[in-house]
């Protein structure tokens, strides 16, 4: 939910946080190009840079009062693009440790939450990211990093890496499902109060 002391959105669309979000969108496209080309180390580095900007732009926007209505829509949209897209492309890579059904779960959850958020916020409600949603994002990023590491290192990687990836992938999927259920519960509760 939104923080009580969060500043009201401004109208300055071309501010630093939104520029960082736009840069993350471009970096996401770069990752999508690098994975099929099997340039896994570069994909890993670019993904890590993109993931770090997600934290930086949010922190900067809140600290310096540069939260915008556009940014509140654009930032989660780009988050969904990079996570869903990366899972889809990794699912297409042999030995990535990411199964196609895992990508379906991730994409399905994001589409569902987007639909719920759109419906609730259009009616004046607040459907900001929850702690479970942020934790889910962390686990998803960790699974992506482990997958790209395994693809890059191959048989030369440490013996513990495949099992670590297996655990992280499952934790990412389970946290994705859990956070999705949390959002469904919150949405049902909201609509009941509104009716």
N, C-alpha and C. Protein backbone atom coordinates (compact mmCIF):
# COMPACT_ATOMS: atom_id res chain seq x y z
N UNK A 1 0.83 -1.19 0.00
CA UNK A 1 0.00 0.00 0.00
C UNK A 1 0.87 1.24 0.00
N UNK A 2 0.32 2.36 -0.38
CA UNK A 2 1.08 3.59 -0.46
C UNK A 2 1.51 4.04 0.93
N UNK A 3 2.70 4.62 1.03
CA UNK A 3 3.20 5.11 2.29
C UNK A 3 2.46 6.39 2.66
N UNK A 4 2.14 6.59 3.98
CA UNK A 4 1.38 7.75 4.40
C UNK A 4 2.06 9.07 4.08
N UNK A 5 3.40 9.10 4.14
CA UNK A 5 4.13 10.34 3.93
C UNK A 5 4.59 10.53 2.50
N UNK A 6 4.09 9.69 1.58
CA UNK A 6 4.49 9.80 0.18
C UNK A 6 3.93 11.08 -0.43
N UNK A 7 4.77 11.82 -1.12
CA UNK A 7 4.35 13.09 -1.71
C UNK A 7 3.38 12.84 -2.86
N UNK A 8 2.51 13.80 -3.09
CA UNK A 8 1.54 13.68 -4.18
C UNK A 8 2.26 13.71 -5.51
N UNK A 9 1.74 13.00 -6.53
CA UNK A 9 2.37 12.97 -7.84
C UNK A 9 2.47 14.37 -8.46
N UNK A 10 3.58 14.62 -9.16
CA UNK A 10 3.77 15.89 -9.85
C UNK A 10 3.47 15.69 -11.33
N UNK A 11 3.61 16.76 -12.11
CA UNK A 11 3.33 16.69 -13.54
C UNK A 11 4.60 16.69 -14.39
N UNK A 12 5.78 16.66 -13.75
CA UNK A 12 7.04 16.70 -14.48
C UNK A 12 7.38 15.29 -14.98
N UNK A 13 6.93 14.98 -16.19
CA UNK A 13 7.10 13.63 -16.72
C UNK A 13 8.56 13.31 -17.01
N UNK A 14 9.33 14.29 -17.52
CA UNK A 14 10.70 14.03 -17.94
C UNK A 14 11.70 14.27 -16.81
N UNK A 15 11.41 13.73 -15.64
CA UNK A 15 12.34 13.89 -14.52
C UNK A 15 13.30 12.71 -14.46
N UNK A 16 14.22 12.76 -13.50
CA UNK A 16 15.27 11.74 -13.41
C UNK A 16 14.71 10.33 -13.19
N UNK A 17 13.79 10.12 -12.25
CA UNK A 17 13.27 8.76 -12.06
C UNK A 17 12.64 8.16 -13.32
N UNK A 18 11.88 8.97 -14.05
CA UNK A 18 11.25 8.46 -15.28
C UNK A 18 12.27 8.20 -16.37
N UNK A 19 13.34 8.99 -16.39
CA UNK A 19 14.42 8.75 -17.35
C UNK A 19 15.13 7.43 -17.03
N UNK A 20 15.31 7.16 -15.74
CA UNK A 20 15.92 5.89 -15.33
C UNK A 20 15.01 4.71 -15.71
N UNK A 21 13.71 4.89 -15.55
CA UNK A 21 12.77 3.84 -15.93
C UNK A 21 12.81 3.60 -17.43
N UNK A 22 12.90 4.68 -18.21
CA UNK A 22 13.01 4.56 -19.67
C UNK A 22 14.29 3.83 -20.04
N UNK A 23 15.38 4.14 -19.32
CA UNK A 23 16.65 3.46 -19.58
C UNK A 23 16.52 1.97 -19.27
N UNK A 24 15.77 1.64 -18.21
CA UNK A 24 15.57 0.23 -17.86
C UNK A 24 14.79 -0.50 -18.94
N UNK A 25 13.85 0.19 -19.55
CA UNK A 25 13.09 -0.40 -20.65
C UNK A 25 14.01 -0.75 -21.82
N UNK A 26 14.92 0.17 -22.14
CA UNK A 26 15.88 -0.07 -23.23
C UNK A 26 16.81 -1.23 -22.87
N UNK A 27 17.26 -1.27 -21.60
CA UNK A 27 18.13 -2.36 -21.16
C UNK A 27 17.41 -3.70 -21.23
N UNK A 28 16.11 -3.69 -20.96
CA UNK A 28 15.32 -4.92 -21.06
C UNK A 28 15.36 -5.47 -22.48
N UNK A 29 15.21 -4.59 -23.46
CA UNK A 29 15.27 -5.01 -24.86
C UNK A 29 16.63 -5.60 -25.19
N UNK A 30 17.68 -4.98 -24.64
CA UNK A 30 19.04 -5.49 -24.87
C UNK A 30 19.17 -6.91 -24.32
N UNK A 31 18.63 -7.15 -23.12
CA UNK A 31 18.66 -8.49 -22.53
C UNK A 31 17.94 -9.49 -23.42
N UNK A 32 16.79 -9.08 -23.97
CA UNK A 32 16.01 -9.97 -24.83
C UNK A 32 16.76 -10.31 -26.12
N UNK A 33 17.63 -9.44 -26.56
CA UNK A 33 18.43 -9.70 -27.76
C UNK A 33 19.61 -10.61 -27.43
N UNK A 34 20.22 -10.38 -26.27
CA UNK A 34 21.44 -11.11 -25.91
C UNK A 34 21.18 -12.58 -25.57
N UNK A 35 20.05 -12.88 -24.93
CA UNK A 35 19.79 -14.27 -24.51
C UNK A 35 19.70 -15.22 -25.70
N UNK A 36 18.90 -14.95 -26.73
CA UNK A 36 18.86 -15.87 -27.88
C UNK A 36 20.20 -15.97 -28.61
N UNK A 37 21.00 -14.91 -28.52
CA UNK A 37 22.33 -14.94 -29.14
C UNK A 37 23.33 -15.70 -28.29
N UNK A 38 22.89 -16.14 -27.11
CA UNK A 38 23.70 -16.90 -26.16
C UNK A 38 24.91 -16.11 -25.66
N UNK A 39 24.75 -14.81 -25.55
CA UNK A 39 25.78 -13.95 -24.96
C UNK A 39 25.36 -13.74 -23.51
N UNK A 40 25.51 -14.79 -22.73
CA UNK A 40 24.90 -14.84 -21.40
C UNK A 40 25.55 -13.91 -20.38
N UNK A 41 26.87 -13.76 -20.43
CA UNK A 41 27.54 -12.88 -19.47
C UNK A 41 27.07 -11.44 -19.65
N UNK A 42 27.01 -10.99 -20.89
CA UNK A 42 26.54 -9.63 -21.17
C UNK A 42 25.09 -9.47 -20.74
N UNK A 43 24.27 -10.50 -21.01
CA UNK A 43 22.86 -10.45 -20.60
C UNK A 43 22.74 -10.34 -19.08
N UNK A 44 23.60 -11.07 -18.37
CA UNK A 44 23.60 -11.03 -16.91
C UNK A 44 23.96 -9.63 -16.40
N UNK A 45 25.00 -9.05 -16.96
CA UNK A 45 25.45 -7.72 -16.53
C UNK A 45 24.37 -6.67 -16.81
N UNK A 46 23.80 -6.72 -18.00
CA UNK A 46 22.77 -5.74 -18.37
C UNK A 46 21.54 -5.92 -17.47
N UNK A 47 21.17 -7.17 -17.19
CA UNK A 47 20.02 -7.41 -16.32
C UNK A 47 20.26 -6.86 -14.92
N UNK A 48 21.46 -7.06 -14.39
CA UNK A 48 21.79 -6.55 -13.05
C UNK A 48 21.73 -5.03 -13.01
N UNK A 49 22.21 -4.38 -14.07
CA UNK A 49 22.14 -2.92 -14.14
C UNK A 49 20.69 -2.47 -14.18
N UNK A 50 19.89 -3.15 -15.00
CA UNK A 50 18.47 -2.80 -15.11
C UNK A 50 17.75 -2.98 -13.78
N UNK A 51 18.03 -4.09 -13.10
CA UNK A 51 17.38 -4.35 -11.81
C UNK A 51 17.76 -3.31 -10.77
N UNK A 52 19.01 -2.85 -10.80
CA UNK A 52 19.46 -1.85 -9.83
C UNK A 52 18.76 -0.51 -10.06
N UNK A 53 18.49 -0.17 -11.31
CA UNK A 53 17.82 1.11 -11.58
C UNK A 53 16.38 1.11 -11.06
N UNK A 54 15.80 -0.08 -10.92
CA UNK A 54 14.43 -0.17 -10.39
C UNK A 54 14.39 0.36 -8.97
N UNK A 55 15.39 0.03 -8.18
CA UNK A 55 15.45 0.51 -6.80
C UNK A 55 15.82 1.98 -6.76
N UNK A 56 16.78 2.37 -7.61
CA UNK A 56 17.27 3.75 -7.59
C UNK A 56 16.18 4.74 -7.98
N UNK A 57 15.43 4.45 -9.05
CA UNK A 57 14.43 5.43 -9.49
C UNK A 57 13.31 5.63 -8.47
N UNK A 58 12.90 4.54 -7.82
CA UNK A 58 11.87 4.65 -6.80
C UNK A 58 12.34 5.45 -5.59
N UNK A 59 13.57 5.16 -5.16
CA UNK A 59 14.14 5.88 -4.01
C UNK A 59 14.29 7.37 -4.32
N UNK A 60 14.81 7.66 -5.51
CA UNK A 60 15.03 9.05 -5.92
C UNK A 60 13.71 9.81 -6.01
N UNK A 61 12.71 9.16 -6.59
CA UNK A 61 11.40 9.82 -6.75
C UNK A 61 10.78 10.17 -5.41
N UNK A 62 10.87 9.24 -4.45
CA UNK A 62 10.27 9.50 -3.13
C UNK A 62 11.07 10.54 -2.34
N UNK A 63 12.40 10.43 -2.39
CA UNK A 63 13.24 11.33 -1.60
C UNK A 63 13.15 12.77 -2.07
N UNK A 64 13.11 12.98 -3.39
CA UNK A 64 13.14 14.33 -3.93
C UNK A 64 11.78 14.80 -4.45
N UNK A 65 10.73 14.11 -4.06
CA UNK A 65 9.39 14.54 -4.42
C UNK A 65 9.13 14.56 -5.91
N UNK A 66 9.69 13.58 -6.63
CA UNK A 66 9.52 13.53 -8.08
C UNK A 66 8.63 12.36 -8.52
N UNK A 67 7.70 11.99 -7.66
CA UNK A 67 6.72 10.97 -8.02
C UNK A 67 5.73 11.58 -9.01
N UNK A 68 5.50 10.93 -10.13
CA UNK A 68 4.55 11.43 -11.13
C UNK A 68 3.49 10.37 -11.40
N UNK A 69 2.35 10.81 -11.88
CA UNK A 69 1.29 9.86 -12.25
C UNK A 69 1.77 8.94 -13.36
N UNK A 70 2.53 9.52 -14.31
CA UNK A 70 3.08 8.72 -15.40
C UNK A 70 4.05 7.68 -14.85
N UNK A 71 4.92 8.11 -13.93
CA UNK A 71 5.90 7.20 -13.35
C UNK A 71 5.27 6.06 -12.58
N UNK A 72 4.16 6.34 -11.90
CA UNK A 72 3.48 5.30 -11.13
C UNK A 72 2.88 4.24 -12.03
N UNK A 73 2.63 4.58 -13.28
CA UNK A 73 2.13 3.59 -14.25
C UNK A 73 3.29 2.96 -15.03
N UNK A 74 4.25 3.81 -15.43
CA UNK A 74 5.34 3.39 -16.30
C UNK A 74 6.31 2.45 -15.59
N UNK A 75 6.63 2.74 -14.33
CA UNK A 75 7.60 1.94 -13.58
C UNK A 75 7.16 0.48 -13.43
N UNK A 76 5.96 0.20 -12.91
CA UNK A 76 5.54 -1.20 -12.82
C UNK A 76 5.37 -1.87 -14.17
N UNK A 77 5.01 -1.08 -15.19
CA UNK A 77 4.89 -1.63 -16.55
C UNK A 77 6.24 -2.16 -17.03
N UNK A 78 7.29 -1.36 -16.83
CA UNK A 78 8.63 -1.77 -17.26
C UNK A 78 9.11 -2.96 -16.43
N UNK A 79 8.79 -2.96 -15.13
CA UNK A 79 9.13 -4.12 -14.29
C UNK A 79 8.55 -5.40 -14.87
N UNK A 80 7.30 -5.33 -15.28
CA UNK A 80 6.63 -6.50 -15.84
C UNK A 80 7.26 -6.92 -17.16
N UNK A 81 7.62 -5.94 -17.98
CA UNK A 81 8.24 -6.24 -19.27
C UNK A 81 9.55 -7.00 -19.07
N UNK A 82 10.41 -6.49 -18.20
CA UNK A 82 11.73 -7.11 -18.06
C UNK A 82 11.65 -8.48 -17.39
N UNK A 83 10.79 -8.64 -16.38
CA UNK A 83 10.68 -9.93 -15.71
C UNK A 83 9.99 -10.96 -16.60
N UNK A 84 8.83 -10.60 -17.14
CA UNK A 84 8.10 -11.54 -18.01
C UNK A 84 8.91 -11.90 -19.24
N UNK A 85 9.49 -10.89 -19.87
CA UNK A 85 10.28 -11.13 -21.08
C UNK A 85 11.48 -12.01 -20.82
N UNK A 86 12.19 -11.74 -19.72
CA UNK A 86 13.39 -12.53 -19.41
C UNK A 86 13.02 -13.97 -19.10
N UNK A 87 11.94 -14.19 -18.35
CA UNK A 87 11.50 -15.56 -18.07
C UNK A 87 11.12 -16.29 -19.36
N UNK A 88 10.44 -15.58 -20.26
CA UNK A 88 10.04 -16.20 -21.53
C UNK A 88 11.26 -16.61 -22.35
N UNK A 89 12.23 -15.71 -22.46
CA UNK A 89 13.42 -16.02 -23.26
C UNK A 89 14.27 -17.10 -22.60
N UNK A 90 14.36 -17.10 -21.27
CA UNK A 90 15.12 -18.14 -20.58
C UNK A 90 14.44 -19.49 -20.73
N UNK A 91 13.12 -19.51 -20.74
CA UNK A 91 12.39 -20.77 -20.91
C UNK A 91 12.69 -21.40 -22.26
N UNK A 92 13.08 -20.59 -23.22
CA UNK A 92 13.42 -21.09 -24.55
C UNK A 92 14.85 -21.57 -24.68
N UNK A 93 15.64 -21.39 -23.61
CA UNK A 93 17.04 -21.81 -23.64
C UNK A 93 17.21 -23.16 -22.95
N UNK A 94 17.91 -24.06 -23.61
CA UNK A 94 18.16 -25.37 -23.02
C UNK A 94 19.08 -25.22 -21.81
N UNK A 95 18.80 -25.97 -20.75
CA UNK A 95 19.59 -25.97 -19.52
C UNK A 95 19.53 -24.65 -18.76
N UNK A 96 18.48 -23.85 -18.99
CA UNK A 96 18.36 -22.59 -18.26
C UNK A 96 17.80 -22.79 -16.86
N UNK A 97 17.15 -23.94 -16.64
CA UNK A 97 16.53 -24.20 -15.35
C UNK A 97 15.18 -23.53 -15.19
N UNK A 98 14.74 -22.80 -16.22
CA UNK A 98 13.44 -22.13 -16.20
C UNK A 98 12.53 -22.84 -17.19
N UNK A 99 11.49 -23.51 -16.66
CA UNK A 99 10.56 -24.24 -17.52
C UNK A 99 9.53 -23.30 -18.12
N UNK A 100 8.95 -23.72 -19.23
CA UNK A 100 7.95 -22.89 -19.91
C UNK A 100 6.76 -22.59 -19.01
N UNK A 101 6.34 -23.58 -18.21
CA UNK A 101 5.18 -23.37 -17.34
C UNK A 101 5.48 -22.32 -16.27
N UNK A 102 6.74 -22.20 -15.87
CA UNK A 102 7.12 -21.17 -14.90
C UNK A 102 6.92 -19.78 -15.49
N UNK A 103 7.31 -19.64 -16.76
CA UNK A 103 7.12 -18.36 -17.45
C UNK A 103 5.63 -18.04 -17.56
N UNK A 104 4.82 -19.08 -17.81
CA UNK A 104 3.37 -18.88 -17.92
C UNK A 104 2.80 -18.39 -16.59
N UNK A 105 3.26 -18.97 -15.48
CA UNK A 105 2.80 -18.54 -14.15
C UNK A 105 3.15 -17.08 -13.91
N UNK A 106 4.39 -16.71 -14.23
CA UNK A 106 4.85 -15.33 -14.01
C UNK A 106 4.04 -14.35 -14.85
N UNK A 107 3.89 -14.66 -16.13
CA UNK A 107 3.15 -13.76 -17.03
C UNK A 107 1.68 -13.69 -16.64
N UNK A 108 1.09 -14.84 -16.31
CA UNK A 108 -0.31 -14.87 -15.92
C UNK A 108 -0.59 -14.03 -14.69
N UNK A 109 0.29 -14.14 -13.71
CA UNK A 109 0.13 -13.35 -12.48
C UNK A 109 0.21 -11.86 -12.77
N UNK A 110 1.18 -11.47 -13.60
CA UNK A 110 1.35 -10.05 -13.90
C UNK A 110 0.15 -9.49 -14.66
N UNK A 111 -0.40 -10.26 -15.59
CA UNK A 111 -1.58 -9.82 -16.33
C UNK A 111 -2.78 -9.66 -15.40
N UNK A 112 -2.93 -10.62 -14.48
CA UNK A 112 -4.05 -10.57 -13.54
C UNK A 112 -3.96 -9.35 -12.63
N UNK A 113 -2.78 -9.13 -12.06
CA UNK A 113 -2.60 -8.00 -11.14
C UNK A 113 -2.77 -6.68 -11.87
N UNK A 114 -2.28 -6.61 -13.11
CA UNK A 114 -2.45 -5.39 -13.90
C UNK A 114 -3.92 -5.08 -14.13
N UNK A 115 -4.70 -6.11 -14.43
CA UNK A 115 -6.14 -5.92 -14.65
C UNK A 115 -6.83 -5.46 -13.38
N UNK A 116 -6.48 -6.08 -12.25
CA UNK A 116 -7.08 -5.70 -10.97
C UNK A 116 -6.71 -4.28 -10.59
N UNK A 117 -5.41 -3.95 -10.75
CA UNK A 117 -4.95 -2.60 -10.41
C UNK A 117 -5.66 -1.55 -11.25
N UNK A 118 -5.79 -1.81 -12.53
CA UNK A 118 -6.44 -0.86 -13.43
C UNK A 118 -7.89 -0.62 -13.02
N UNK A 119 -8.58 -1.69 -12.70
CA UNK A 119 -9.99 -1.59 -12.32
C UNK A 119 -10.17 -0.82 -11.02
N UNK A 120 -9.33 -1.13 -10.03
CA UNK A 120 -9.47 -0.50 -8.72
C UNK A 120 -9.05 0.97 -8.74
N UNK A 121 -7.92 1.27 -9.40
CA UNK A 121 -7.45 2.65 -9.41
C UNK A 121 -8.33 3.55 -10.27
N UNK A 122 -8.99 2.98 -11.27
CA UNK A 122 -9.94 3.78 -12.06
C UNK A 122 -11.17 4.17 -11.24
N UNK A 123 -11.46 3.35 -10.23
CA UNK A 123 -12.60 3.67 -9.36
C UNK A 123 -12.18 4.48 -8.14
N UNK A 124 -10.92 4.92 -8.14
CA UNK A 124 -10.44 5.79 -7.06
C UNK A 124 -9.74 5.08 -5.92
N UNK A 125 -9.56 3.78 -6.02
CA UNK A 125 -8.91 3.02 -4.96
C UNK A 125 -7.40 3.03 -5.09
N UNK A 126 -6.72 2.53 -4.05
CA UNK A 126 -5.26 2.46 -4.04
C UNK A 126 -4.85 0.99 -4.11
N UNK A 127 -4.07 0.64 -5.12
CA UNK A 127 -3.63 -0.74 -5.30
C UNK A 127 -2.12 -0.77 -5.48
N UNK A 128 -1.42 -0.06 -4.60
CA UNK A 128 0.04 0.04 -4.67
C UNK A 128 0.68 -1.32 -4.37
N UNK A 129 1.95 -1.43 -4.74
CA UNK A 129 2.68 -2.68 -4.54
C UNK A 129 2.75 -3.05 -3.06
N UNK A 130 2.52 -4.32 -2.77
CA UNK A 130 2.59 -4.81 -1.39
C UNK A 130 3.99 -5.33 -1.11
N UNK A 131 4.25 -5.65 0.17
CA UNK A 131 5.55 -6.22 0.54
C UNK A 131 5.76 -7.56 -0.16
N UNK A 132 4.68 -8.36 -0.23
CA UNK A 132 4.78 -9.66 -0.90
C UNK A 132 5.13 -9.49 -2.37
N UNK A 133 4.59 -8.45 -2.99
CA UNK A 133 4.90 -8.18 -4.39
C UNK A 133 6.36 -7.81 -4.60
N UNK A 134 6.89 -7.01 -3.67
CA UNK A 134 8.29 -6.61 -3.77
C UNK A 134 9.22 -7.79 -3.50
N UNK A 135 8.83 -8.65 -2.54
CA UNK A 135 9.62 -9.83 -2.24
C UNK A 135 9.62 -10.80 -3.42
N UNK A 136 8.47 -10.91 -4.06
CA UNK A 136 8.34 -11.75 -5.26
C UNK A 136 9.31 -11.29 -6.34
N UNK A 137 9.39 -9.98 -6.53
CA UNK A 137 10.29 -9.41 -7.53
C UNK A 137 11.74 -9.75 -7.21
N UNK A 138 12.09 -9.72 -5.93
CA UNK A 138 13.45 -10.05 -5.51
C UNK A 138 13.79 -11.50 -5.83
N UNK A 139 12.87 -12.41 -5.53
CA UNK A 139 13.10 -13.84 -5.81
C UNK A 139 13.16 -14.10 -7.32
N UNK A 140 12.32 -13.42 -8.08
CA UNK A 140 12.35 -13.58 -9.53
C UNK A 140 13.70 -13.13 -10.10
N UNK A 141 14.19 -12.00 -9.63
CA UNK A 141 15.49 -11.49 -10.09
C UNK A 141 16.61 -12.45 -9.71
N UNK A 142 16.54 -13.00 -8.50
CA UNK A 142 17.56 -13.95 -8.05
C UNK A 142 17.56 -15.20 -8.94
N UNK A 143 16.38 -15.68 -9.30
CA UNK A 143 16.27 -16.85 -10.18
C UNK A 143 16.85 -16.55 -11.56
N UNK A 144 16.58 -15.36 -12.08
CA UNK A 144 17.11 -14.97 -13.39
C UNK A 144 18.63 -14.91 -13.34
N UNK A 145 19.18 -14.31 -12.29
CA UNK A 145 20.63 -14.20 -12.16
C UNK A 145 21.27 -15.58 -12.10
N UNK A 146 20.68 -16.48 -11.29
CA UNK A 146 21.22 -17.84 -11.18
C UNK A 146 21.14 -18.57 -12.52
N UNK A 147 20.05 -18.39 -13.25
CA UNK A 147 19.88 -19.03 -14.55
C UNK A 147 20.92 -18.54 -15.55
N UNK A 148 21.11 -17.24 -15.61
CA UNK A 148 22.10 -16.69 -16.54
C UNK A 148 23.52 -17.10 -16.16
N UNK A 149 23.78 -17.19 -14.86
CA UNK A 149 25.09 -17.66 -14.40
C UNK A 149 25.33 -19.09 -14.86
N UNK A 150 24.32 -19.95 -14.70
CA UNK A 150 24.45 -21.35 -15.10
C UNK A 150 24.65 -21.47 -16.61
N UNK A 151 23.90 -20.69 -17.38
CA UNK A 151 24.05 -20.72 -18.83
C UNK A 151 25.43 -20.23 -19.26
N UNK A 152 25.94 -19.23 -18.57
CA UNK A 152 27.25 -18.67 -18.91
C UNK A 152 28.38 -19.63 -18.53
N UNK A 153 28.33 -20.17 -17.32
CA UNK A 153 29.41 -21.02 -16.83
C UNK A 153 29.33 -22.45 -17.36
N UNK A 154 28.11 -22.92 -17.61
CA UNK A 154 27.95 -24.28 -18.12
C UNK A 154 28.51 -25.32 -17.17
N UNK A 155 29.22 -26.28 -17.72
CA UNK A 155 29.79 -27.36 -16.92
C UNK A 155 30.94 -26.88 -16.04
N UNK A 156 31.47 -25.70 -16.33
CA UNK A 156 32.58 -25.16 -15.54
C UNK A 156 32.10 -24.47 -14.26
N UNK A 157 30.80 -24.36 -14.10
CA UNK A 157 30.25 -23.69 -12.93
C UNK A 157 30.37 -24.53 -11.68
N UNK A 158 30.21 -23.93 -10.51
CA UNK A 158 30.28 -24.67 -9.24
C UNK A 158 29.18 -25.72 -9.15
N UNK A 159 29.46 -26.79 -8.43
CA UNK A 159 28.52 -27.91 -8.36
C UNK A 159 27.20 -27.54 -7.67
N UNK A 160 27.24 -26.51 -6.82
CA UNK A 160 26.04 -26.12 -6.08
C UNK A 160 25.10 -25.24 -6.89
N UNK A 161 25.56 -24.73 -8.02
CA UNK A 161 24.75 -23.77 -8.77
C UNK A 161 23.44 -24.35 -9.32
N UNK A 162 23.45 -25.56 -9.93
CA UNK A 162 22.18 -26.09 -10.44
C UNK A 162 21.11 -26.26 -9.36
N UNK A 163 21.52 -26.77 -8.19
CA UNK A 163 20.55 -26.93 -7.10
C UNK A 163 20.08 -25.58 -6.57
N UNK A 164 21.00 -24.62 -6.50
CA UNK A 164 20.62 -23.27 -6.06
C UNK A 164 19.60 -22.67 -7.01
N UNK A 165 19.83 -22.85 -8.31
CA UNK A 165 18.89 -22.35 -9.31
C UNK A 165 17.54 -23.04 -9.17
N UNK A 166 17.56 -24.35 -8.96
CA UNK A 166 16.32 -25.11 -8.79
C UNK A 166 15.49 -24.56 -7.64
N UNK A 167 16.16 -24.33 -6.51
CA UNK A 167 15.48 -23.80 -5.33
C UNK A 167 14.95 -22.39 -5.59
N UNK A 168 15.80 -21.53 -6.16
CA UNK A 168 15.40 -20.15 -6.42
C UNK A 168 14.24 -20.07 -7.41
N UNK A 169 14.27 -20.93 -8.43
CA UNK A 169 13.19 -20.92 -9.42
C UNK A 169 11.86 -21.30 -8.78
N UNK A 170 11.89 -22.30 -7.92
CA UNK A 170 10.66 -22.72 -7.25
C UNK A 170 10.19 -21.67 -6.25
N UNK A 171 11.13 -21.08 -5.52
CA UNK A 171 10.75 -20.01 -4.58
C UNK A 171 10.14 -18.84 -5.34
N UNK A 172 10.73 -18.52 -6.50
CA UNK A 172 10.20 -17.42 -7.32
C UNK A 172 8.78 -17.72 -7.78
N UNK A 173 8.55 -18.96 -8.21
CA UNK A 173 7.21 -19.34 -8.68
C UNK A 173 6.20 -19.32 -7.53
N UNK A 174 6.58 -19.90 -6.40
CA UNK A 174 5.67 -19.95 -5.26
C UNK A 174 5.37 -18.55 -4.72
N UNK A 175 6.39 -17.69 -4.67
CA UNK A 175 6.15 -16.32 -4.20
C UNK A 175 5.31 -15.54 -5.21
N UNK A 176 5.45 -15.88 -6.49
CA UNK A 176 4.62 -15.26 -7.52
C UNK A 176 3.15 -15.62 -7.31
N UNK A 177 2.91 -16.91 -7.06
CA UNK A 177 1.54 -17.37 -6.81
C UNK A 177 0.99 -16.75 -5.53
N UNK A 178 1.82 -16.75 -4.47
CA UNK A 178 1.38 -16.21 -3.18
C UNK A 178 1.01 -14.74 -3.27
N UNK A 179 1.87 -13.95 -3.92
CA UNK A 179 1.59 -12.52 -4.03
C UNK A 179 0.36 -12.27 -4.91
N UNK A 180 0.18 -13.13 -5.92
CA UNK A 180 -1.01 -13.02 -6.75
C UNK A 180 -2.28 -13.27 -5.95
N UNK A 181 -2.24 -14.27 -5.09
CA UNK A 181 -3.39 -14.56 -4.23
C UNK A 181 -3.65 -13.41 -3.26
N UNK A 182 -2.57 -12.80 -2.76
CA UNK A 182 -2.72 -11.65 -1.86
C UNK A 182 -3.45 -10.50 -2.56
N UNK A 183 -3.07 -10.25 -3.81
CA UNK A 183 -3.71 -9.17 -4.57
C UNK A 183 -5.18 -9.50 -4.86
N UNK A 184 -5.46 -10.77 -5.15
CA UNK A 184 -6.85 -11.18 -5.39
C UNK A 184 -7.68 -10.95 -4.14
N UNK A 185 -7.13 -11.34 -2.99
CA UNK A 185 -7.84 -11.15 -1.71
C UNK A 185 -8.10 -9.66 -1.46
N UNK A 186 -7.07 -8.83 -1.70
CA UNK A 186 -7.22 -7.38 -1.49
C UNK A 186 -8.27 -6.80 -2.44
N UNK A 187 -8.28 -7.30 -3.68
CA UNK A 187 -9.25 -6.80 -4.67
C UNK A 187 -10.68 -7.20 -4.29
N UNK A 188 -10.86 -8.45 -3.87
CA UNK A 188 -12.19 -8.92 -3.46
C UNK A 188 -12.68 -8.11 -2.26
N UNK A 189 -11.79 -7.86 -1.31
CA UNK A 189 -12.13 -7.07 -0.13
C UNK A 189 -12.55 -5.66 -0.52
N UNK A 190 -11.82 -5.07 -1.46
CA UNK A 190 -12.12 -3.70 -1.90
C UNK A 190 -13.49 -3.64 -2.58
N UNK A 191 -13.73 -4.57 -3.50
CA UNK A 191 -14.99 -4.56 -4.25
C UNK A 191 -16.19 -4.83 -3.34
N UNK A 192 -16.00 -5.64 -2.31
CA UNK A 192 -17.09 -5.89 -1.37
C UNK A 192 -17.44 -4.62 -0.60
N UNK A 193 -16.41 -3.86 -0.21
CA UNK A 193 -16.64 -2.61 0.51
C UNK A 193 -17.32 -1.57 -0.39
N UNK A 194 -16.99 -1.62 -1.68
CA UNK A 194 -17.55 -0.66 -2.62
C UNK A 194 -18.99 -0.97 -2.99
N UNK A 195 -19.34 -2.26 -2.92
CA UNK A 195 -20.70 -2.65 -3.34
C UNK A 195 -21.73 -2.43 -2.24
